[in-house]
């Protein structure tokens, strides 16, 4: 069961892996890998660290109690409460900048509507076998019969040089385990060359298993030789009001559209942190 974590999370076999031996040792090992990650130039294959044999009491002490270590809490991606495995992520300035910049733009939109959305941040949410933490999430105040309020209506997963397999597995969890109660699943991926790709995903059912596919893609590609106004922007992102609020529009309420100006604003926040 424990070996399934690589497949479930879309991680390479080279991902550093440790036996969990308590909170202090976990923090020491993660800080060791974090230092190595930055010294080695932030290689994309080493953005995650796995710890085995983390029972639920130890997980609570490390990640949920008042005494939990902030670095471990902030870095948590997944806790598999069946196989007792946790996955931690190396947080980069680029990763933080992209989802925070989007959150500010998205917040400006929803604060202009009659209703409100509630930011849920990156709190861990329990699915069938795992508890996962999105980078950003929002929920509606609408009480819908049969809906489990623990699931946000919108989630964002951000990545720095993230593999497509990892992003797809993250999105698959949110759409499959929530049984479509997550209505909007977005990924934001930054490459070393500076491109930023934002995608919305939907679930599909193949003959063998559930999967996901992108339904909208918007990308900005950095041109280092010219001014920022000449960076290439392609595609679009348009999110229906009803998918965010779970109700029809009223009066002057509107759908959310990410404009070219918004994309440029996001890129400005991200590119300042790119390593040369």
C-alpha atoms as a PDB file:
ATOM      1  CA  UNK A   1       0.000   0.000   0.000  1.00  0.00           C
ATOM      2  CA  UNK A   2       2.777   2.449   0.907  1.00  0.00           C
ATOM      3  CA  UNK A   3       4.381   2.122  -2.528  1.00  0.00           C
ATOM      4  CA  UNK A   4       1.194   3.411  -4.122  1.00  0.00           C
ATOM      5  CA  UNK A   5       2.001   6.907  -2.891  1.00  0.00           C
ATOM      6  CA  UNK A   6       4.314   7.515  -5.863  1.00  0.00           C
ATOM      7  CA  UNK A   7       1.558   6.614  -8.307  1.00  0.00           C
ATOM      8  CA  UNK A   8      -1.204   8.380  -6.370  1.00  0.00           C
ATOM      9  CA  UNK A   9       0.777  11.612  -6.156  1.00  0.00           C
ATOM     10  CA  UNK A  10       2.420  11.452  -9.588  1.00  0.00           C
ATOM     11  CA  UNK A  11       5.915  11.528  -8.032  1.00  0.00           C
ATOM     12  CA  UNK A  12       9.173  10.172  -9.490  1.00  0.00           C
ATOM     13  CA  UNK A  13      10.858   7.134  -7.938  1.00  0.00           C
ATOM     14  CA  UNK A  14      13.813   9.387  -7.036  1.00  0.00           C
ATOM     15  CA  UNK A  15      11.719  11.350  -4.513  1.00  0.00           C
ATOM     16  CA  UNK A  16      13.615  11.454  -1.153  1.00  0.00           C
ATOM     17  CA  UNK A  17      12.000   9.139   1.385  1.00  0.00           C
ATOM     18  CA  UNK A  18      12.427   8.752   5.149  1.00  0.00           C
ATOM     19  CA  UNK A  19      11.094   6.651   7.993  1.00  0.00           C
ATOM     20  CA  UNK A  20       9.199   8.918  10.365  1.00  0.00           C
ATOM     21  CA  UNK A  21      10.841   9.043  13.794  1.00  0.00           C
ATOM     22  CA  UNK A  22       9.041  11.877  15.513  1.00  0.00           C
ATOM     23  CA  UNK A  23       8.380  15.558  14.954  1.00  0.00           C
ATOM     24  CA  UNK A  24      11.907  16.793  15.671  1.00  0.00           C
ATOM     25  CA  UNK A  25      13.525  14.247  13.365  1.00  0.00           C
ATOM     26  CA  UNK A  26      10.933  14.913  10.658  1.00  0.00           C
ATOM     27  CA  UNK A  27      11.677  18.639  10.806  1.00  0.00           C
ATOM     28  CA  UNK A  28      15.433  17.997  10.735  1.00  0.00           C
ATOM     29  CA  UNK A  29      15.202  15.705   7.693  1.00  0.00           C
ATOM     30  CA  UNK A  30      12.921  18.069   5.823  1.00  0.00           C
ATOM     31  CA  UNK A  31      15.185  21.065   6.524  1.00  0.00           C
ATOM     32  CA  UNK A  32      18.127  18.971   5.306  1.00  0.00           C
ATOM     33  CA  UNK A  33      16.345  18.230   2.027  1.00  0.00           C
ATOM     34  CA  UNK A  34      15.196  21.842   1.748  1.00  0.00           C
ATOM     35  CA  UNK A  35      18.779  23.076   2.032  1.00  0.00           C
ATOM     36  CA  UNK A  36      19.955  20.528  -0.519  1.00  0.00           C
ATOM     37  CA  UNK A  37      17.135  21.502  -2.862  1.00  0.00           C
ATOM     38  CA  UNK A  38      18.183  25.154  -2.931  1.00  0.00           C
ATOM     39  CA  UNK A  39      21.915  24.367  -3.129  1.00  0.00           C
ATOM     40  CA  UNK A  40      21.310  22.124  -6.147  1.00  0.00           C
ATOM     41  CA  UNK A  41      19.413  24.829  -8.044  1.00  0.00           C
ATOM     42  CA  UNK A  42      15.840  23.696  -7.249  1.00  0.00           C
ATOM     43  CA  UNK A  43      15.715  20.562  -9.467  1.00  0.00           C
ATOM     44  CA  UNK A  44      12.164  19.708 -10.462  1.00  0.00           C
ATOM     45  CA  UNK A  45      12.536  16.002  -9.580  1.00  0.00           C
ATOM     46  CA  UNK A  46      13.266  16.779  -5.927  1.00  0.00           C
ATOM     47  CA  UNK A  47      10.473  19.143  -4.924  1.00  0.00           C
ATOM     48  CA  UNK A  48       8.845  16.613  -2.590  1.00  0.00           C
ATOM     49  CA  UNK A  49       9.819  14.520   0.423  1.00  0.00           C
ATOM     50  CA  UNK A  50       8.007  11.388   1.621  1.00  0.00           C
ATOM     51  CA  UNK A  51       7.815  10.118   5.219  1.00  0.00           C
ATOM     52  CA  UNK A  52       6.568   6.603   6.009  1.00  0.00           C
ATOM     53  CA  UNK A  53       4.957   5.151   9.152  1.00  0.00           C
ATOM     54  CA  UNK A  54       3.191   8.286  10.370  1.00  0.00           C
ATOM     55  CA  UNK A  55       0.254   7.137  12.472  1.00  0.00           C
ATOM     56  CA  UNK A  56      -2.723   9.436  12.962  1.00  0.00           C
ATOM     57  CA  UNK A  57      -1.656  10.523  16.449  1.00  0.00           C
ATOM     58  CA  UNK A  58       1.799  11.527  15.170  1.00  0.00           C
ATOM     59  CA  UNK A  59       0.248  13.303  12.189  1.00  0.00           C
ATOM     60  CA  UNK A  60      -2.007  15.318  14.455  1.00  0.00           C
ATOM     61  CA  UNK A  61       0.906  16.289  16.700  1.00  0.00           C
ATOM     62  CA  UNK A  62       3.090  17.373  13.756  1.00  0.00           C
ATOM     63  CA  UNK A  63       0.527  19.055  11.537  1.00  0.00           C
ATOM     64  CA  UNK A  64      -2.704  19.874  13.353  1.00  0.00           C
ATOM     65  CA  UNK A  65      -2.127  20.569  17.049  1.00  0.00           C
ATOM     66  CA  UNK A  66      -1.300  24.004  18.465  1.00  0.00           C
ATOM     67  CA  UNK A  67       2.259  22.775  18.968  1.00  0.00           C
ATOM     68  CA  UNK A  68       2.676  21.734  15.316  1.00  0.00           C
ATOM     69  CA  UNK A  69       5.716  23.057  13.474  1.00  0.00           C
ATOM     70  CA  UNK A  70       4.752  25.892  11.112  1.00  0.00           C
ATOM     71  CA  UNK A  71       7.200  24.801   8.381  1.00  0.00           C
ATOM     72  CA  UNK A  72       5.778  21.272   8.320  1.00  0.00           C
ATOM     73  CA  UNK A  73       2.178  22.527   8.339  1.00  0.00           C
ATOM     74  CA  UNK A  74       2.871  24.961   5.494  1.00  0.00           C
ATOM     75  CA  UNK A  75       4.644  22.294   3.416  1.00  0.00           C
ATOM     76  CA  UNK A  76       2.064  19.512   3.796  1.00  0.00           C
ATOM     77  CA  UNK A  77       0.629  18.197   0.535  1.00  0.00           C
ATOM     78  CA  UNK A  78      -0.891  14.841   1.442  1.00  0.00           C
ATOM     79  CA  UNK A  79      -1.466  12.519   4.357  1.00  0.00           C
ATOM     80  CA  UNK A  80      -2.572   9.006   3.402  1.00  0.00           C
ATOM     81  CA  UNK A  81      -4.337   7.755   6.539  1.00  0.00           C
ATOM     82  CA  UNK A  82      -4.547   4.193   5.173  1.00  0.00           C
ATOM     83  CA  UNK A  83      -0.851   3.683   4.393  1.00  0.00           C
ATOM     84  CA  UNK A  84       0.303   6.261   6.993  1.00  0.00           C
ATOM     85  CA  UNK A  85       2.445   8.207   4.513  1.00  0.00           C
ATOM     86  CA  UNK A  86       2.899  11.966   4.287  1.00  0.00           C
ATOM     87  CA  UNK A  87       4.171  14.055   1.373  1.00  0.00           C
ATOM     88  CA  UNK A  88       5.794  17.443   1.950  1.00  0.00           C
ATOM     89  CA  UNK A  89       6.579  20.040  -0.714  1.00  0.00           C
ATOM     90  CA  UNK A  90       9.475  22.482  -1.058  1.00  0.00           C
ATOM     91  CA  UNK A  91       7.711  25.856  -1.114  1.00  0.00           C
ATOM     92  CA  UNK A  92       9.329  28.340  -3.527  1.00  0.00           C
ATOM     93  CA  UNK A  93       8.792  32.105  -3.896  1.00  0.00           C
ATOM     94  CA  UNK A  94       7.479  31.501  -7.428  1.00  0.00           C
ATOM     95  CA  UNK A  95       4.942  28.974  -6.173  1.00  0.00           C
ATOM     96  CA  UNK A  96       3.704  31.332  -3.472  1.00  0.00           C
ATOM     97  CA  UNK A  97       3.612  34.366  -5.765  1.00  0.00           C
ATOM     98  CA  UNK A  98       1.508  32.798  -8.521  1.00  0.00           C
ATOM     99  CA  UNK A  99      -1.400  31.591  -6.413  1.00  0.00           C
ATOM    100  CA  UNK A 100      -1.368  34.662  -4.160  1.00  0.00           C
ATOM    101  CA  UNK A 101      -1.433  37.007  -7.173  1.00  0.00           C
ATOM    102  CA  UNK A 102      -4.332  35.063  -8.662  1.00  0.00           C
ATOM    103  CA  UNK A 103      -6.148  35.099  -5.318  1.00  0.00           C
ATOM    104  CA  UNK A 104      -5.963  38.894  -5.186  1.00  0.00           C
ATOM    105  CA  UNK A 105      -7.411  39.217  -8.701  1.00  0.00           C
ATOM    106  CA  UNK A 106     -10.097  36.627  -8.011  1.00  0.00           C
ATOM    107  CA  UNK A 107     -10.923  38.328  -4.711  1.00  0.00           C
ATOM    108  CA  UNK A 108     -11.451  41.668  -6.457  1.00  0.00           C
ATOM    109  CA  UNK A 109     -14.005  39.966  -8.700  1.00  0.00           C
ATOM    110  CA  UNK A 110     -16.022  38.165  -6.030  1.00  0.00           C
ATOM    111  CA  UNK A 111     -16.088  41.157  -3.716  1.00  0.00           C
ATOM    112  CA  UNK A 112     -17.903  42.957  -6.523  1.00  0.00           C
ATOM    113  CA  UNK A 113     -20.749  40.433  -6.485  1.00  0.00           C
ATOM    114  CA  UNK A 114     -23.801  40.572  -4.230  1.00  0.00           C
ATOM    115  CA  UNK A 115     -22.871  37.303  -2.561  1.00  0.00           C
ATOM    116  CA  UNK A 116     -19.563  36.398  -0.953  1.00  0.00           C
ATOM    117  CA  UNK A 117     -17.168  33.501  -1.250  1.00  0.00           C
ATOM    118  CA  UNK A 118     -15.272  32.285   1.791  1.00  0.00           C
ATOM    119  CA  UNK A 119     -11.522  31.709   1.418  1.00  0.00           C
ATOM    120  CA  UNK A 120     -10.558  28.383   2.965  1.00  0.00           C
ATOM    121  CA  UNK A 121      -6.828  28.707   2.379  1.00  0.00           C
ATOM    122  CA  UNK A 122      -4.822  25.482   2.365  1.00  0.00           C
ATOM    123  CA  UNK A 123      -6.578  23.575   5.150  1.00  0.00           C
ATOM    124  CA  UNK A 124      -6.334  19.792   4.808  1.00  0.00           C
ATOM    125  CA  UNK A 125      -9.471  18.087   3.497  1.00  0.00           C
ATOM    126  CA  UNK A 126     -10.151  14.376   3.907  1.00  0.00           C
ATOM    127  CA  UNK A 127     -11.047  12.241   0.894  1.00  0.00           C
ATOM    128  CA  UNK A 128     -11.472   8.469   0.542  1.00  0.00           C
ATOM    129  CA  UNK A 129      -7.936   7.522   1.641  1.00  0.00           C
ATOM    130  CA  UNK A 130      -6.015  10.789   1.856  1.00  0.00           C
ATOM    131  CA  UNK A 131      -6.105  14.225   3.371  1.00  0.00           C
ATOM    132  CA  UNK A 132      -4.845  16.906   0.990  1.00  0.00           C
ATOM    133  CA  UNK A 133      -4.173  20.627   1.226  1.00  0.00           C
ATOM    134  CA  UNK A 134      -4.787  22.875  -1.804  1.00  0.00           C
ATOM    135  CA  UNK A 135      -2.744  26.019  -2.331  1.00  0.00           C
ATOM    136  CA  UNK A 136      -5.901  28.162  -2.328  1.00  0.00           C
ATOM    137  CA  UNK A 137      -9.602  27.386  -2.064  1.00  0.00           C
ATOM    138  CA  UNK A 138     -12.969  29.088  -1.682  1.00  0.00           C
ATOM    139  CA  UNK A 139     -16.444  27.989  -0.665  1.00  0.00           C
ATOM    140  CA  UNK A 140     -19.899  29.433  -1.148  1.00  0.00           C
ATOM    141  CA  UNK A 141     -22.341  30.429   1.571  1.00  0.00           C
ATOM    142  CA  UNK A 142     -25.164  28.675  -0.305  1.00  0.00           C
ATOM    143  CA  UNK A 143     -26.546  25.673   1.585  1.00  0.00           C
ATOM    144  CA  UNK A 144     -27.268  23.008  -1.029  1.00  0.00           C
ATOM    145  CA  UNK A 145     -29.097  19.797   0.023  1.00  0.00           C
ATOM    146  CA  UNK A 146     -26.772  16.810  -0.018  1.00  0.00           C
ATOM    147  CA  UNK A 147     -23.636  18.912  -0.297  1.00  0.00           C
ATOM    148  CA  UNK A 148     -20.786  18.269   2.145  1.00  0.00           C
ATOM    149  CA  UNK A 149     -19.557  21.671   3.313  1.00  0.00           C
ATOM    150  CA  UNK A 150     -15.991  20.444   3.816  1.00  0.00           C
ATOM    151  CA  UNK A 151     -15.439  20.520   0.045  1.00  0.00           C
ATOM    152  CA  UNK A 152     -14.652  23.947  -1.444  1.00  0.00           C
ATOM    153  CA  UNK A 153     -16.300  24.925  -4.715  1.00  0.00           C
ATOM    154  CA  UNK A 154     -13.005  26.254  -6.130  1.00  0.00           C
ATOM    155  CA  UNK A 155      -9.444  24.987  -5.602  1.00  0.00           C
ATOM    156  CA  UNK A 156      -6.066  26.119  -6.935  1.00  0.00           C
ATOM    157  CA  UNK A 157      -2.937  23.977  -7.145  1.00  0.00           C
ATOM    158  CA  UNK A 158       0.254  25.837  -8.052  1.00  0.00           C
ATOM    159  CA  UNK A 159       3.569  24.409  -9.179  1.00  0.00           C
ATOM    160  CA  UNK A 160       7.114  25.447  -9.992  1.00  0.00           C
ATOM    161  CA  UNK A 161       8.435  23.283 -12.851  1.00  0.00           C
ATOM    162  CA  UNK A 162       5.717  20.786 -11.899  1.00  0.00           C
ATOM    163  CA  UNK A 163       5.333  17.583 -13.901  1.00  0.00           C
ATOM    164  CA  UNK A 164       2.036  17.178 -15.711  1.00  0.00           C
ATOM    165  CA  UNK A 165       1.546  13.822 -13.990  1.00  0.00           C
ATOM    166  CA  UNK A 166       1.731  15.420 -10.558  1.00  0.00           C
ATOM    167  CA  UNK A 167      -0.743  18.180 -11.443  1.00  0.00           C
ATOM    168  CA  UNK A 168      -3.201  15.712 -12.967  1.00  0.00           C
ATOM    169  CA  UNK A 169      -3.118  13.484  -9.881  1.00  0.00           C
ATOM    170  CA  UNK A 170      -3.748  16.498  -7.633  1.00  0.00           C
ATOM    171  CA  UNK A 171      -6.736  17.572  -9.707  1.00  0.00           C
ATOM    172  CA  UNK A 172      -8.060  14.010  -9.923  1.00  0.00           C
ATOM    173  CA  UNK A 173      -8.210  13.831  -6.131  1.00  0.00           C
ATOM    174  CA  UNK A 174     -10.281  17.017  -5.860  1.00  0.00           C
ATOM    175  CA  UNK A 175     -12.748  16.110  -8.579  1.00  0.00           C
ATOM    176  CA  UNK A 176     -13.076  12.381  -7.868  1.00  0.00           C
ATOM    177  CA  UNK A 177     -13.019  12.281  -4.064  1.00  0.00           C
ATOM    178  CA  UNK A 178     -15.408  15.239  -3.785  1.00  0.00           C
ATOM    179  CA  UNK A 179     -17.743  13.492  -6.234  1.00  0.00           C
ATOM    180  CA  UNK A 180     -17.873  16.682  -8.306  1.00  0.00           C
ATOM    181  CA  UNK A 181     -18.636  18.915  -5.321  1.00  0.00           C
ATOM    182  CA  UNK A 182     -15.465  20.796  -6.267  1.00  0.00           C
ATOM    183  CA  UNK A 183     -16.790  22.664  -9.292  1.00  0.00           C
ATOM    184  CA  UNK A 184     -13.690  24.586 -10.387  1.00  0.00           C
ATOM    185  CA  UNK A 185     -10.232  22.987 -10.297  1.00  0.00           C
ATOM    186  CA  UNK A 186      -7.377  25.203 -11.473  1.00  0.00           C
ATOM    187  CA  UNK A 187      -3.666  24.524 -11.850  1.00  0.00           C
ATOM    188  CA  UNK A 188      -0.900  27.106 -12.264  1.00  0.00           C
ATOM    189  CA  UNK A 189       2.463  25.939 -13.493  1.00  0.00           C
ATOM    190  CA  UNK A 190       5.636  28.012 -13.872  1.00  0.00           C
ATOM    191  CA  UNK A 191       8.596  26.850 -15.944  1.00  0.00           C
ATOM    192  CA  UNK A 192      12.250  27.832 -15.666  1.00  0.00           C
ATOM    193  CA  UNK A 193      11.989  29.708 -18.968  1.00  0.00           C
ATOM    194  CA  UNK A 194       9.330  31.879 -17.355  1.00  0.00           C
ATOM    195  CA  UNK A 195       6.095  30.690 -18.930  1.00  0.00           C
ATOM    196  CA  UNK A 196       3.038  30.559 -16.666  1.00  0.00           C
ATOM    197  CA  UNK A 197       0.197  28.242 -17.637  1.00  0.00           C
ATOM    198  CA  UNK A 198      -3.199  28.378 -15.920  1.00  0.00           C
ATOM    199  CA  UNK A 199      -5.639  25.573 -16.680  1.00  0.00           C
ATOM    200  CA  UNK A 200      -9.122  24.557 -15.627  1.00  0.00           C
ATOM    201  CA  UNK A 201      -9.805  20.809 -15.509  1.00  0.00           C
ATOM    202  CA  UNK A 202     -12.772  18.464 -15.700  1.00  0.00           C
ATOM    203  CA  UNK A 203     -13.077  14.762 -14.931  1.00  0.00           C
ATOM    204  CA  UNK A 204     -13.453  12.043 -17.552  1.00  0.00           C
ATOM    205  CA  UNK A 205     -14.116   8.319 -17.257  1.00  0.00           C
ATOM    206  CA  UNK A 206     -12.086   6.036 -19.508  1.00  0.00           C
ATOM    207  CA  UNK A 207     -12.610   2.304 -19.970  1.00  0.00           C
ATOM    208  CA  UNK A 208     -10.105   1.533 -17.213  1.00  0.00           C
ATOM    209  CA  UNK A 209     -10.082   4.414 -14.744  1.00  0.00           C
ATOM    210  CA  UNK A 210     -11.102   7.962 -13.928  1.00  0.00           C
ATOM    211  CA  UNK A 211      -8.926  10.715 -15.300  1.00  0.00           C
ATOM    212  CA  UNK A 212      -8.958  14.460 -15.948  1.00  0.00           C
ATOM    213  CA  UNK A 213      -8.480  16.740 -18.923  1.00  0.00           C
ATOM    214  CA  UNK A 214      -7.913  20.490 -19.311  1.00  0.00           C
ATOM    215  CA  UNK A 215     -10.950  22.402 -20.552  1.00  0.00           C
ATOM    216  CA  UNK A 216      -9.409  25.874 -20.602  1.00  0.00           C
ATOM    217  CA  UNK A 217      -5.807  27.009 -20.904  1.00  0.00           C
ATOM    218  CA  UNK A 218      -4.295  30.478 -20.633  1.00  0.00           C
ATOM    219  CA  UNK A 219      -0.540  31.029 -20.912  1.00  0.00           C
ATOM    220  CA  UNK A 220       1.934  33.873 -20.798  1.00  0.00           C
ATOM    221  CA  UNK A 221       5.386  33.285 -22.270  1.00  0.00           C
ATOM    222  CA  UNK A 222       8.237  35.496 -21.174  1.00  0.00           C
ATOM    223  CA  UNK A 223      10.294  37.356 -23.752  1.00  0.00           C
ATOM    224  CA  UNK A 224      13.514  38.425 -22.036  1.00  0.00           C
ATOM    225  CA  UNK A 225      14.623  40.645 -24.899  1.00  0.00           C
ATOM    226  CA  UNK A 226      11.682  43.049 -24.990  1.00  0.00           C
ATOM    227  CA  UNK A 227       9.446  45.001 -22.634  1.00  0.00           C
ATOM    228  CA  UNK A 228       6.777  43.240 -20.587  1.00  0.00           C
ATOM    229  CA  UNK A 229       4.039  44.554 -22.874  1.00  0.00           C
ATOM    230  CA  UNK A 230       5.408  42.311 -25.610  1.00  0.00           C
ATOM    231  CA  UNK A 231       5.234  39.041 -23.718  1.00  0.00           C
ATOM    232  CA  UNK A 232       3.073  36.512 -25.558  1.00  0.00           C
ATOM    233  CA  UNK A 233      -0.324  35.704 -24.051  1.00  0.00           C
ATOM    234  CA  UNK A 234      -2.485  32.937 -25.496  1.00  0.00           C
ATOM    235  CA  UNK A 235      -5.770  31.249 -24.618  1.00  0.00           C
ATOM    236  CA  UNK A 236      -8.394  32.400 -22.139  1.00  0.00           C
ATOM    237  CA  UNK A 237      -9.940  31.588 -18.766  1.00  0.00           C
ATOM    238  CA  UNK A 238     -13.630  32.179 -18.122  1.00  0.00           C
ATOM    239  CA  UNK A 239     -15.300  30.743 -15.006  1.00  0.00           C
ATOM    240  CA  UNK A 240     -19.079  30.617 -14.719  1.00  0.00           C
ATOM    241  CA  UNK A 241     -20.659  32.455 -11.806  1.00  0.00           C
ATOM    242  CA  UNK A 242     -22.923  29.463 -11.147  1.00  0.00           C
ATOM    243  CA  UNK A 243     -19.923  27.142 -10.653  1.00  0.00           C
ATOM    244  CA  UNK A 244     -18.535  29.441  -7.957  1.00  0.00           C
ATOM    245  CA  UNK A 245     -21.726  30.394  -6.120  1.00  0.00           C
ATOM    246  CA  UNK A 246     -23.959  27.375  -6.837  1.00  0.00           C
ATOM    247  CA  UNK A 247     -26.824  29.680  -7.814  1.00  0.00           C
ATOM    248  CA  UNK A 248     -27.904  31.848 -10.721  1.00  0.00           C
ATOM    249  CA  UNK A 249     -26.734  35.433 -11.165  1.00  0.00           C
ATOM    250  CA  UNK A 250     -28.723  38.300  -9.704  1.00  0.00           C
ATOM    251  CA  UNK A 251     -28.846  41.882 -10.954  1.00  0.00           C
ATOM    252  CA  UNK A 252     -25.352  42.966 -12.065  1.00  0.00           C
ATOM    253  CA  UNK A 253     -23.478  39.833 -11.007  1.00  0.00           C
ATOM    254  CA  UNK A 254     -21.060  38.449 -13.592  1.00  0.00           C
ATOM    255  CA  UNK A 255     -18.852  35.530 -14.559  1.00  0.00           C
ATOM    256  CA  UNK A 256     -15.126  35.685 -13.807  1.00  0.00           C
ATOM    257  CA  UNK A 257     -12.783  36.330 -16.713  1.00  0.00           C
ATOM    258  CA  UNK A 258      -9.002  36.466 -16.400  1.00  0.00           C
ATOM    259  CA  UNK A 259      -7.875  39.281 -18.680  1.00  0.00           C
ATOM    260  CA  UNK A 260      -4.546  39.775 -20.447  1.00  0.00           C
ATOM    261  CA  UNK A 261      -3.853  42.599 -17.988  1.00  0.00           C
ATOM    262  CA  UNK A 262      -4.507  40.188 -15.102  1.00  0.00           C
ATOM    263  CA  UNK A 263      -2.129  37.643 -16.614  1.00  0.00           C
ATOM    264  CA  UNK A 264       0.559  40.313 -16.955  1.00  0.00           C
ATOM    265  CA  UNK A 265       0.026  41.302 -13.320  1.00  0.00           C
ATOM    266  CA  UNK A 266       0.465  37.682 -12.220  1.00  0.00           C
ATOM    267  CA  UNK A 267       3.631  37.316 -14.298  1.00  0.00           C
ATOM    268  CA  UNK A 268       5.123  40.478 -12.796  1.00  0.00           C
ATOM    269  CA  UNK A 269       4.627  39.071  -9.294  1.00  0.00           C
ATOM    270  CA  UNK A 270       6.204  35.739 -10.280  1.00  0.00           C
ATOM    271  CA  UNK A 271       9.071  36.656 -12.572  1.00  0.00           C
ATOM    272  CA  UNK A 272      10.762  38.910 -10.043  1.00  0.00           C
ATOM    273  CA  UNK A 273      11.574  35.714  -8.113  1.00  0.00           C
ATOM    274  CA  UNK A 274      12.849  33.619 -11.044  1.00  0.00           C
ATOM    275  CA  UNK A 275      16.436  32.386 -10.631  1.00  0.00           C
ATOM    276  CA  UNK A 276      18.766  33.716 -13.309  1.00  0.00           C
END
